[in-house]
Amino acid sequence: MPIVDALKALGNDRRLLILDWLKDPRAHFPPQVDGDLVEDGVCGVHIAAKLAVSQPTLSEHMRILTQAGLVIPKRIKQWTFYRRNEAAIAALKTAFDAEV
């Protein structure tokens, strides 16, 4: 994961908010019928509703976060669930500290 890509992904308030919510999904999202909030991630429908954006807008935000390696998508049935990639986030923090 290049630091530049991750920093570009983090350069948007909504994406930062999504990452913050995904840090503690049980505190920010309702229980789901499919998928565990922590193990499988949060359904994109719930994230879009909480963010008050359309599904295509959310998909673009999540595409950017996924390409930067900051979230991990998982398909369950017809839905996509997202969780933080804690290892990548920790590596980014380490790399950023080394660069600064």
PDB file of N, CA and C in Angstrom:
ATOM      1  N   MET A   1       0.842  -1.179   0.000  1.00  0.00           N
ATOM      2  CA  MET A   1       0.000   0.000   0.000  1.00  0.00           C
ATOM      3  C   MET A   1       0.887   1.242   0.000  1.00  0.00           C
ATOM      4  N   PRO A   2       0.925   1.984  -1.080  1.00  0.00           N
ATOM      5  CA  PRO A   2       1.688   3.228  -1.096  1.00  0.00           C
ATOM      6  C   PRO A   2       1.087   4.252  -0.133  1.00  0.00           C
ATOM      7  N   ILE A   3       1.959   4.943   0.587  1.00  0.00           N
ATOM      8  CA  ILE A   3       1.494   5.946   1.544  1.00  0.00           C
ATOM      9  C   ILE A   3       0.668   7.019   0.850  1.00  0.00           C
ATOM     10  N   VAL A   4       1.050   7.400  -0.341  1.00  0.00           N
ATOM     11  CA  VAL A   4       0.345   8.456  -1.068  1.00  0.00           C
ATOM     12  C   VAL A   4      -1.110   8.066  -1.316  1.00  0.00           C
ATOM     13  N   ASP A   5      -1.344   6.822  -1.745  1.00  0.00           N
ATOM     14  CA  ASP A   5      -2.715   6.363  -1.996  1.00  0.00           C
ATOM     15  C   ASP A   5      -3.542   6.381  -0.720  1.00  0.00           C
ATOM     16  N   ALA A   6      -2.951   5.931   0.369  1.00  0.00           N
ATOM     17  CA  ALA A   6      -3.669   5.912   1.642  1.00  0.00           C
ATOM     18  C   ALA A   6      -3.985   7.324   2.109  1.00  0.00           C
ATOM     19  N   LEU A   7      -3.027   8.225   1.963  1.00  0.00           N
ATOM     20  CA  LEU A   7      -3.268   9.605   2.390  1.00  0.00           C
ATOM     21  C   LEU A   7      -4.329  10.278   1.528  1.00  0.00           C
ATOM     22  N   LYS A   8      -4.347   9.976   0.246  1.00  0.00           N
ATOM     23  CA  LYS A   8      -5.408  10.504  -0.622  1.00  0.00           C
ATOM     24  C   LYS A   8      -6.762   9.969  -0.177  1.00  0.00           C
ATOM     25  N   ALA A   9      -6.816   8.692   0.172  1.00  0.00           N
ATOM     26  CA  ALA A   9      -8.075   8.098   0.639  1.00  0.00           C
ATOM     27  C   ALA A   9      -8.532   8.755   1.940  1.00  0.00           C
ATOM     28  N   LEU A  10      -7.576   9.109   2.785  1.00  0.00           N
ATOM     29  CA  LEU A  10      -7.900   9.736   4.070  1.00  0.00           C
ATOM     30  C   LEU A  10      -8.163  11.231   3.950  1.00  0.00           C
ATOM     31  N   GLY A  11      -7.981  11.773   2.766  1.00  0.00           N
ATOM     32  CA  GLY A  11      -8.160  13.202   2.543  1.00  0.00           C
ATOM     33  C   GLY A  11      -9.604  13.618   2.353  1.00  0.00           C
ATOM     34  N   ASN A  12     -10.538  12.801   2.788  1.00  0.00           N
ATOM     35  CA  ASN A  12     -11.954  13.096   2.642  1.00  0.00           C
ATOM     36  C   ASN A  12     -12.633  12.874   3.993  1.00  0.00           C
ATOM     37  N   ASP A  13     -13.366  13.867   4.461  1.00  0.00           N
ATOM     38  CA  ASP A  13     -14.004  13.779   5.779  1.00  0.00           C
ATOM     39  C   ASP A  13     -14.952  12.589   5.898  1.00  0.00           C
ATOM     40  N   ARG A  14     -15.667  12.291   4.832  1.00  0.00           N
ATOM     41  CA  ARG A  14     -16.625  11.176   4.895  1.00  0.00           C
ATOM     42  C   ARG A  14     -15.912   9.840   5.020  1.00  0.00           C
ATOM     43  N   ARG A  15     -14.799   9.679   4.316  1.00  0.00           N
ATOM     44  CA  ARG A  15     -14.050   8.426   4.432  1.00  0.00           C
ATOM     45  C   ARG A  15     -13.423   8.290   5.817  1.00  0.00           C
ATOM     46  N   LEU A  16     -12.974   9.391   6.390  1.00  0.00           N
ATOM     47  CA  LEU A  16     -12.455   9.352   7.765  1.00  0.00           C
ATOM     48  C   LEU A  16     -13.559   8.954   8.746  1.00  0.00           C
ATOM     49  N   LEU A  17     -14.750   9.475   8.518  1.00  0.00           N
ATOM     50  CA  LEU A  17     -15.892   9.152   9.362  1.00  0.00           C
ATOM     51  C   LEU A  17     -16.238   7.666   9.259  1.00  0.00           C
ATOM     52  N   ILE A  18     -16.234   7.141   8.049  1.00  0.00           N
ATOM     53  CA  ILE A  18     -16.504   5.717   7.839  1.00  0.00           C
ATOM     54  C   ILE A  18     -15.485   4.869   8.602  1.00  0.00           C
ATOM     55  N   LEU A  19     -14.211   5.198   8.470  1.00  0.00           N
ATOM     56  CA  LEU A  19     -13.177   4.441   9.184  1.00  0.00           C
ATOM     57  C   LEU A  19     -13.365   4.525  10.697  1.00  0.00           C
ATOM     58  N   ASP A  20     -13.772   5.684  11.189  1.00  0.00           N
ATOM     59  CA  ASP A  20     -14.019   5.846  12.614  1.00  0.00           C
ATOM     60  C   ASP A  20     -15.190   4.964  13.055  1.00  0.00           C
ATOM     61  N   TRP A  21     -16.265   4.953  12.289  1.00  0.00           N
ATOM     62  CA  TRP A  21     -17.419   4.107  12.622  1.00  0.00           C
ATOM     63  C   TRP A  21     -17.044   2.638  12.600  1.00  0.00           C
ATOM     64  N   LEU A  22     -16.240   2.243  11.622  1.00  0.00           N
ATOM     65  CA  LEU A  22     -15.876   0.832  11.500  1.00  0.00           C
ATOM     66  C   LEU A  22     -14.930   0.376  12.610  1.00  0.00           C
ATOM     67  N   LYS A  23     -14.334   1.320  13.328  1.00  0.00           N
ATOM     68  CA  LYS A  23     -13.460   0.964  14.451  1.00  0.00           C
ATOM     69  C   LYS A  23     -14.275   0.269  15.545  1.00  0.00           C
ATOM     70  N   ASP A  24     -15.523   0.710  15.750  1.00  0.00           N
ATOM     71  CA  ASP A  24     -16.414   0.114  16.755  1.00  0.00           C
ATOM     72  C   ASP A  24     -17.799  -0.034  16.131  1.00  0.00           C
ATOM     73  N   PRO A  25     -17.969  -1.016  15.250  1.00  0.00           N
ATOM     74  CA  PRO A  25     -19.222  -1.107  14.491  1.00  0.00           C
ATOM     75  C   PRO A  25     -20.458  -1.369  15.344  1.00  0.00           C
ATOM     76  N   ARG A  26     -20.316  -2.073  16.453  1.00  0.00           N
ATOM     77  CA  ARG A  26     -21.490  -2.342  17.300  1.00  0.00           C
ATOM     78  C   ARG A  26     -22.031  -1.063  17.933  1.00  0.00           C
ATOM     79  N   ALA A  27     -21.177  -0.083  18.138  1.00  0.00           N
ATOM     80  CA  ALA A  27     -21.615   1.188  18.729  1.00  0.00           C
ATOM     81  C   ALA A  27     -22.286   2.094  17.699  1.00  0.00           C
ATOM     82  N   HIS A  28     -22.028   1.865  16.407  1.00  0.00           N
ATOM     83  CA  HIS A  28     -22.503   2.790  15.384  1.00  0.00           C
ATOM     84  C   HIS A  28     -23.543   2.226  14.429  1.00  0.00           C
ATOM     85  N   PHE A  29     -23.720   0.906  14.406  1.00  0.00           N
ATOM     86  CA  PHE A  29     -24.630   0.296  13.438  1.00  0.00           C
ATOM     87  C   PHE A  29     -25.560  -0.700  14.119  1.00  0.00           C
ATOM     88  N   PRO A  30     -26.757  -0.873  13.555  1.00  0.00           N
ATOM     89  CA  PRO A  30     -27.701  -1.838  14.131  1.00  0.00           C
ATOM     90  C   PRO A  30     -27.271  -3.269  13.819  1.00  0.00           C
ATOM     91  N   PRO A  31     -27.811  -4.230  14.564  1.00  0.00           N
ATOM     92  CA  PRO A  31     -27.523  -5.637  14.237  1.00  0.00           C
ATOM     93  C   PRO A  31     -27.956  -5.950  12.804  1.00  0.00           C
ATOM     94  N   GLN A  32     -27.264  -6.887  12.179  1.00  0.00           N
ATOM     95  CA  GLN A  32     -27.543  -7.257  10.797  1.00  0.00           C
ATOM     96  C   GLN A  32     -28.111  -8.670  10.750  1.00  0.00           C
ATOM     97  N   VAL A  33     -28.945  -8.923   9.747  1.00  0.00           N
ATOM     98  CA  VAL A  33     -29.476 -10.264   9.535  1.00  0.00           C
ATOM     99  C   VAL A  33     -28.358 -11.180   9.044  1.00  0.00           C
ATOM    100  N   ASP A  34     -27.605 -10.726   8.070  1.00  0.00           N
ATOM    101  CA  ASP A  34     -26.487 -11.492   7.517  1.00  0.00           C
ATOM    102  C   ASP A  34     -25.180 -10.863   7.960  1.00  0.00           C
ATOM    103  N   GLY A  35     -24.236 -11.682   8.339  1.00  0.00           N
ATOM    104  CA  GLY A  35     -22.896 -11.195   8.661  1.00  0.00           C
ATOM    105  C   GLY A  35     -22.781 -10.589  10.050  1.00  0.00           C
ATOM    106  N   ASP A  36     -21.703 -10.924  10.730  1.00  0.00           N
ATOM    107  CA  ASP A  36     -21.385 -10.350  12.029  1.00  0.00           C
ATOM    108  C   ASP A  36     -20.738  -8.983  11.829  1.00  0.00           C
ATOM    109  N   LEU A  37     -21.173  -7.996  12.602  1.00  0.00           N
ATOM    110  CA  LEU A  37     -20.656  -6.630  12.449  1.00  0.00           C
ATOM    111  C   LEU A  37     -19.139  -6.552  12.573  1.00  0.00           C
ATOM    112  N   VAL A  38     -18.552  -7.345  13.455  1.00  0.00           N
ATOM    113  CA  VAL A  38     -17.110  -7.275  13.691  1.00  0.00           C
ATOM    114  C   VAL A  38     -16.347  -8.218  12.761  1.00  0.00           C
ATOM    115  N   GLU A  39     -16.762  -9.471  12.705  1.00  0.00           N
ATOM    116  CA  GLU A  39     -16.021 -10.463  11.924  1.00  0.00           C
ATOM    117  C   GLU A  39     -16.191 -10.285  10.414  1.00  0.00           C
ATOM    118  N   ASP A  40     -17.413 -10.016   9.976  1.00  0.00           N
ATOM    119  CA  ASP A  40     -17.687  -9.895   8.546  1.00  0.00           C
ATOM    120  C   ASP A  40     -17.672  -8.454   8.060  1.00  0.00           C
ATOM    121  N   GLY A  41     -17.934  -7.527   8.946  1.00  0.00           N
ATOM    122  CA  GLY A  41     -17.993  -6.128   8.575  1.00  0.00           C
ATOM    123  C   GLY A  41     -19.423  -5.615   8.536  1.00  0.00           C
ATOM    124  N   VAL A  42     -19.546  -4.361   8.177  1.00  0.00           N
ATOM    125  CA  VAL A  42     -20.838  -3.675   8.139  1.00  0.00           C
ATOM    126  C   VAL A  42     -21.338  -3.639   6.704  1.00  0.00           C
ATOM    127  N   CYS A  43     -22.603  -3.943   6.536  1.00  0.00           N
ATOM    128  CA  CYS A  43     -23.214  -3.907   5.207  1.00  0.00           C
ATOM    129  C   CYS A  43     -23.162  -2.479   4.654  1.00  0.00           C
ATOM    130  N   GLY A  44     -22.820  -2.373   3.390  1.00  0.00           N
ATOM    131  CA  GLY A  44     -22.751  -1.068   2.740  1.00  0.00           C
ATOM    132  C   GLY A  44     -24.053  -0.293   2.818  1.00  0.00           C
ATOM    133  N   VAL A  45     -25.181  -0.988   2.852  1.00  0.00           N
ATOM    134  CA  VAL A  45     -26.487  -0.325   2.958  1.00  0.00           C
ATOM    135  C   VAL A  45     -26.569   0.462   4.266  1.00  0.00           C
ATOM    136  N   HIS A  46     -26.092  -0.125   5.364  1.00  0.00           N
ATOM    137  CA  HIS A  46     -26.113   0.561   6.661  1.00  0.00           C
ATOM    138  C   HIS A  46     -25.177   1.772   6.663  1.00  0.00           C
ATOM    139  N   ILE A  47     -24.014   1.607   6.045  1.00  0.00           N
ATOM    140  CA  ILE A  47     -23.049   2.719   5.997  1.00  0.00           C
ATOM    141  C   ILE A  47     -23.631   3.868   5.170  1.00  0.00           C
ATOM    142  N   ALA A  48     -24.213   3.557   4.020  1.00  0.00           N
ATOM    143  CA  ALA A  48     -24.807   4.590   3.158  1.00  0.00           C
ATOM    144  C   ALA A  48     -25.919   5.328   3.892  1.00  0.00           C
ATOM    145  N   ALA A  49     -26.759   4.588   4.618  1.00  0.00           N
ATOM    146  CA  ALA A  49     -27.863   5.219   5.348  1.00  0.00           C
ATOM    147  C   ALA A  49     -27.336   6.144   6.440  1.00  0.00           C
ATOM    148  N   LYS A  50     -26.350   5.685   7.191  1.00  0.00           N
ATOM    149  CA  LYS A  50     -25.795   6.507   8.281  1.00  0.00           C
ATOM    150  C   LYS A  50     -25.080   7.742   7.724  1.00  0.00           C
ATOM    151  N   LEU A  51     -24.442   7.591   6.599  1.00  0.00           N
ATOM    152  CA  LEU A  51     -23.722   8.697   5.976  1.00  0.00           C
ATOM    153  C   LEU A  51     -24.667   9.620   5.206  1.00  0.00           C
ATOM    154  N   ALA A  52     -25.895   9.148   4.960  1.00  0.00           N
ATOM    155  CA  ALA A  52     -26.918   9.885   4.215  1.00  0.00           C
ATOM    156  C   ALA A  52     -26.464  10.178   2.784  1.00  0.00           C
ATOM    157  N   VAL A  53     -25.958   9.127   2.133  1.00  0.00           N
ATOM    158  CA  VAL A  53     -25.546   9.229   0.734  1.00  0.00           C
ATOM    159  C   VAL A  53     -26.193   8.099  -0.058  1.00  0.00           C
ATOM    160  N   SER A  54     -26.188   8.229  -1.366  1.00  0.00           N
ATOM    161  CA  SER A  54     -26.725   7.171  -2.219  1.00  0.00           C
ATOM    162  C   SER A  54     -25.770   5.980  -2.242  1.00  0.00           C
ATOM    163  N   GLN A  55     -26.279   4.853  -2.671  1.00  0.00           N
ATOM    164  CA  GLN A  55     -25.448   3.646  -2.769  1.00  0.00           C
ATOM    165  C   GLN A  55     -24.272   3.845  -3.736  1.00  0.00           C
ATOM    166  N   PRO A  56     -24.492   4.475  -4.914  1.00  0.00           N
ATOM    167  CA  PRO A  56     -23.333   4.696  -5.800  1.00  0.00           C
ATOM    168  C   PRO A  56     -22.255   5.593  -5.179  1.00  0.00           C
ATOM    169  N   THR A  57     -22.675   6.598  -4.420  1.00  0.00           N
ATOM    170  CA  THR A  57     -21.704   7.472  -3.757  1.00  0.00           C
ATOM    171  C   THR A  57     -20.912   6.685  -2.727  1.00  0.00           C
ATOM    172  N   LEU A  58     -21.610   5.877  -1.934  1.00  0.00           N
ATOM    173  CA  LEU A  58     -20.911   5.062  -0.956  1.00  0.00           C
ATOM    174  C   LEU A  58     -19.955   4.094  -1.648  1.00  0.00           C
ATOM    175  N   SER A  59     -20.400   3.484  -2.733  1.00  0.00           N
ATOM    176  CA  SER A  59     -19.551   2.535  -3.456  1.00  0.00           C
ATOM    177  C   SER A  59     -18.239   3.178  -3.886  1.00  0.00           C
ATOM    178  N   GLU A  60     -18.302   4.426  -4.303  1.00  0.00           N
ATOM    179  CA  GLU A  60     -17.080   5.133  -4.708  1.00  0.00           C
ATOM    180  C   GLU A  60     -16.162   5.361  -3.508  1.00  0.00           C
ATOM    181  N   HIS A  61     -16.723   5.784  -2.384  1.00  0.00           N
ATOM    182  CA  HIS A  61     -15.911   5.964  -1.172  1.00  0.00           C
ATOM    183  C   HIS A  61     -15.261   4.648  -0.760  1.00  0.00           C
ATOM    184  N   MET A  62     -16.044   3.573  -0.794  1.00  0.00           N
ATOM    185  CA  MET A  62     -15.521   2.283  -0.355  1.00  0.00           C
ATOM    186  C   MET A  62     -14.508   1.730  -1.353  1.00  0.00           C
ATOM    187  N   ARG A  63     -14.684   2.007  -2.624  1.00  0.00           N
ATOM    188  CA  ARG A  63     -13.703   1.593  -3.637  1.00  0.00           C
ATOM    189  C   ARG A  63     -12.352   2.235  -3.346  1.00  0.00           C
ATOM    190  N   ILE A  64     -12.369   3.512  -3.027  1.00  0.00           N
ATOM    191  CA  ILE A  64     -11.127   4.237  -2.736  1.00  0.00           C
ATOM    192  C   ILE A  64     -10.464   3.683  -1.472  1.00  0.00           C
ATOM    193  N   LEU A  65     -11.265   3.455  -0.429  1.00  0.00           N
ATOM    194  CA  LEU A  65     -10.709   2.899   0.815  1.00  0.00           C
ATOM    195  C   LEU A  65     -10.177   1.480   0.607  1.00  0.00           C
ATOM    196  N   THR A  66     -10.880   0.697  -0.210  1.00  0.00           N
ATOM    197  CA  THR A  66     -10.440  -0.667  -0.492  1.00  0.00           C
ATOM    198  C   THR A  66      -9.149  -0.671  -1.299  1.00  0.00           C
ATOM    199  N   GLN A  67      -9.079   0.158  -2.344  1.00  0.00           N
ATOM    200  CA  GLN A  67      -7.863   0.219  -3.166  1.00  0.00           C
ATOM    201  C   GLN A  67      -6.661   0.703  -2.361  1.00  0.00           C
ATOM    202  N   ALA A  68      -6.913   1.546  -1.360  1.00  0.00           N
ATOM    203  CA  ALA A  68      -5.828   2.019  -0.501  1.00  0.00           C
ATOM    204  C   ALA A  68      -5.439   0.952   0.524  1.00  0.00           C
ATOM    205  N   GLY A  69      -6.236  -0.116   0.609  1.00  0.00           N
ATOM    206  CA  GLY A  69      -5.938  -1.195   1.541  1.00  0.00           C
ATOM    207  C   GLY A  69      -6.424  -0.949   2.952  1.00  0.00           C
ATOM    208  N   LEU A  70      -7.236   0.075   3.155  1.00  0.00           N
ATOM    209  CA  LEU A  70      -7.666   0.441   4.501  1.00  0.00           C
ATOM    210  C   LEU A  70      -8.904  -0.311   4.970  1.00  0.00           C
ATOM    211  N   VAL A  71      -9.686  -0.842   4.037  1.00  0.00           N
ATOM    212  CA  VAL A  71     -10.842  -1.666   4.394  1.00  0.00           C
ATOM    213  C   VAL A  71     -10.803  -2.962   3.588  1.00  0.00           C
ATOM    214  N   ILE A  72     -11.478  -3.954   4.136  1.00  0.00           N
ATOM    215  CA  ILE A  72     -11.557  -5.257   3.485  1.00  0.00           C
ATOM    216  C   ILE A  72     -13.018  -5.527   3.157  1.00  0.00           C
ATOM    217  N   PRO A  73     -13.348  -5.705   1.878  1.00  0.00           N
ATOM    218  CA  PRO A  73     -14.731  -6.024   1.517  1.00  0.00           C
ATOM    219  C   PRO A  73     -14.969  -7.530   1.578  1.00  0.00           C
ATOM    220  N   LYS A  74     -16.209  -7.889   1.841  1.00  0.00           N
ATOM    221  CA  LYS A  74     -16.598  -9.299   1.857  1.00  0.00           C
ATOM    222  C   LYS A  74     -18.016  -9.408   1.308  1.00  0.00           C
ATOM    223  N   ARG A  75     -18.193 -10.248   0.298  1.00  0.00           N
ATOM    224  CA  ARG A  75     -19.521 -10.464  -0.283  1.00  0.00           C
ATOM    225  C   ARG A  75     -20.248 -11.556   0.503  1.00  0.00           C
ATOM    226  N   ILE A  76     -21.470 -11.247   0.902  1.00  0.00           N
ATOM    227  CA  ILE A  76     -22.376 -12.218   1.496  1.00  0.00           C
ATOM    228  C   ILE A  76     -23.706 -12.037   0.779  1.00  0.00           C
ATOM    229  N   LYS A  77     -24.128 -13.094   0.100  1.00  0.00           N
ATOM    230  CA  LYS A  77     -25.322 -13.035  -0.753  1.00  0.00           C
ATOM    231  C   LYS A  77     -25.112 -11.909  -1.762  1.00  0.00           C
ATOM    232  N   GLN A  78     -26.061 -10.969  -1.859  1.00  0.00           N
ATOM    233  CA  GLN A  78     -25.916  -9.885  -2.835  1.00  0.00           C
ATOM    234  C   GLN A  78     -25.333  -8.612  -2.206  1.00  0.00           C
ATOM    235  N   TRP A  79     -24.918  -8.674  -0.950  1.00  0.00           N
ATOM    236  CA  TRP A  79     -24.448  -7.496  -0.231  1.00  0.00           C
ATOM    237  C   TRP A  79     -22.929  -7.502  -0.084  1.00  0.00           C
ATOM    238  N   THR A  80     -22.375  -6.312   0.059  1.00  0.00           N
ATOM    239  CA  THR A  80     -20.953  -6.187   0.366  1.00  0.00           C
ATOM    240  C   THR A  80     -20.817  -5.619   1.773  1.00  0.00           C
ATOM    241  N   PHE A  81     -19.999  -6.274   2.564  1.00  0.00           N
ATOM    242  CA  PHE A  81     -19.750  -5.884   3.946  1.00  0.00           C
ATOM    243  C   PHE A  81     -18.307  -5.384   4.033  1.00  0.00           C
ATOM    244  N   TYR A  82     -18.098  -4.395   4.884  1.00  0.00           N
ATOM    245  CA  TYR A  82     -16.774  -3.781   4.994  1.00  0.00           C
ATOM    246  C   TYR A  82     -16.310  -3.763   6.438  1.00  0.00           C
ATOM    247  N   ARG A  83     -15.011  -4.070   6.614  1.00  0.00           N
ATOM    248  CA  ARG A  83     -14.386  -3.933   7.922  1.00  0.00           C
ATOM    249  C   ARG A  83     -13.016  -3.301   7.729  1.00  0.00           C
ATOM    250  N   ARG A  84     -12.525  -2.702   8.792  1.00  0.00           N
ATOM    251  CA  ARG A  84     -11.207  -2.072   8.736  1.00  0.00           C
ATOM    252  C   ARG A  84     -10.117  -3.118   8.576  1.00  0.00           C
ATOM    253  N   ASN A  85      -9.076  -2.744   7.854  1.00  0.00           N
ATOM    254  CA  ASN A  85      -7.885  -3.584   7.741  1.00  0.00           C
ATOM    255  C   ASN A  85      -6.894  -3.048   8.776  1.00  0.00           C
ATOM    256  N   GLU A  86      -7.018  -3.568   9.995  1.00  0.00           N
ATOM    257  CA  GLU A  86      -6.218  -3.035  11.106  1.00  0.00           C
ATOM    258  C   GLU A  86      -4.718  -3.184  10.864  1.00  0.00           C
ATOM    259  N   ALA A  87      -4.315  -4.274  10.232  1.00  0.00           N
ATOM    260  CA  ALA A  87      -2.887  -4.476   9.959  1.00  0.00           C
ATOM    261  C   ALA A  87      -2.366  -3.405   9.004  1.00  0.00           C
ATOM    262  N   ALA A  88      -3.130  -3.099   7.982  1.00  0.00           N
ATOM    263  CA  ALA A  88      -2.711  -2.076   7.017  1.00  0.00           C
ATOM    264  C   ALA A  88      -2.710  -0.690   7.651  1.00  0.00           C
ATOM    265  N   ILE A  89      -3.683  -0.428   8.504  1.00  0.00           N
ATOM    266  CA  ILE A  89      -3.742   0.874   9.179  1.00  0.00           C
ATOM    267  C   ILE A  89      -2.543   1.032  10.116  1.00  0.00           C
ATOM    268  N   ALA A  90      -2.197  -0.036  10.831  1.00  0.00           N
ATOM    269  CA  ALA A  90      -1.022   0.015  11.723  1.00  0.00           C
ATOM    270  C   ALA A  90       0.253   0.211  10.899  1.00  0.00           C
ATOM    271  N   ALA A  91       0.355  -0.482   9.779  1.00  0.00           N
ATOM    272  CA  ALA A  91       1.538  -0.327   8.915  1.00  0.00           C
ATOM    273  C   ALA A  91       1.632   1.087   8.363  1.00  0.00           C
ATOM    274  N   LEU A  92       0.491   1.671   8.015  1.00  0.00           N
ATOM    275  CA  LEU A  92       0.475   3.051   7.520  1.00  0.00           C
ATOM    276  C   LEU A  92       0.955   3.999   8.592  1.00  0.00           C
ATOM    277  N   LYS A  93       0.501   3.817   9.829  1.00  0.00           N
ATOM    278  CA  LYS A  93       0.947   4.665  10.930  1.00  0.00           C
ATOM    279  C   LYS A  93       2.448   4.556  11.118  1.00  0.00           C
ATOM    280  N   THR A  94       2.973   3.344  11.054  1.00  0.00           N
ATOM    281  CA  THR A  94       4.411   3.116  11.203  1.00  0.00           C
ATOM    282  C   THR A  94       5.179   3.781  10.069  1.00  0.00           C
ATOM    283  N   ALA A  95       4.691   3.583   8.854  1.00  0.00           N
ATOM    284  CA  ALA A  95       5.366   4.166   7.686  1.00  0.00           C
ATOM    285  C   ALA A  95       5.315   5.687   7.740  1.00  0.00           C
ATOM    286  N   PHE A  96       4.194   6.223   8.168  1.00  0.00           N
ATOM    287  CA  PHE A  96       4.051   7.678   8.250  1.00  0.00           C
ATOM    288  C   PHE A  96       4.996   8.239   9.293  1.00  0.00           C
ATOM    289  N   ASP A  97       5.083   7.565  10.436  1.00  0.00           N
ATOM    290  CA  ASP A  97       6.017   8.009  11.470  1.00  0.00           C
ATOM    291  C   ASP A  97       7.456   7.983  10.983  1.00  0.00           C
ATOM    292  N   ALA A  98       7.795   6.976  10.167  1.00  0.00           N
ATOM    293  CA  ALA A  98       9.148   6.861   9.642  1.00  0.00           C
ATOM    294  C   ALA A  98       9.455   7.948   8.630  1.00  0.00           C
ATOM    295  N   GLU A  99       8.431   8.408   7.911  1.00  0.00           N
ATOM    296  CA  GLU A  99       8.622   9.439   6.890  1.00  0.00           C
ATOM    297  C   GLU A  99       8.727  10.836   7.496  1.00  0.00           C
ATOM    298  N   VAL A 100       8.104  11.028   8.628  1.00  0.00           N
ATOM    299  CA  VAL A 100       8.031  12.362   9.227  1.00  0.00           C
ATOM    300  C   VAL A 100       9.199  12.659  10.065  1.00  0.00           C
TER     301      VAL A 100
END
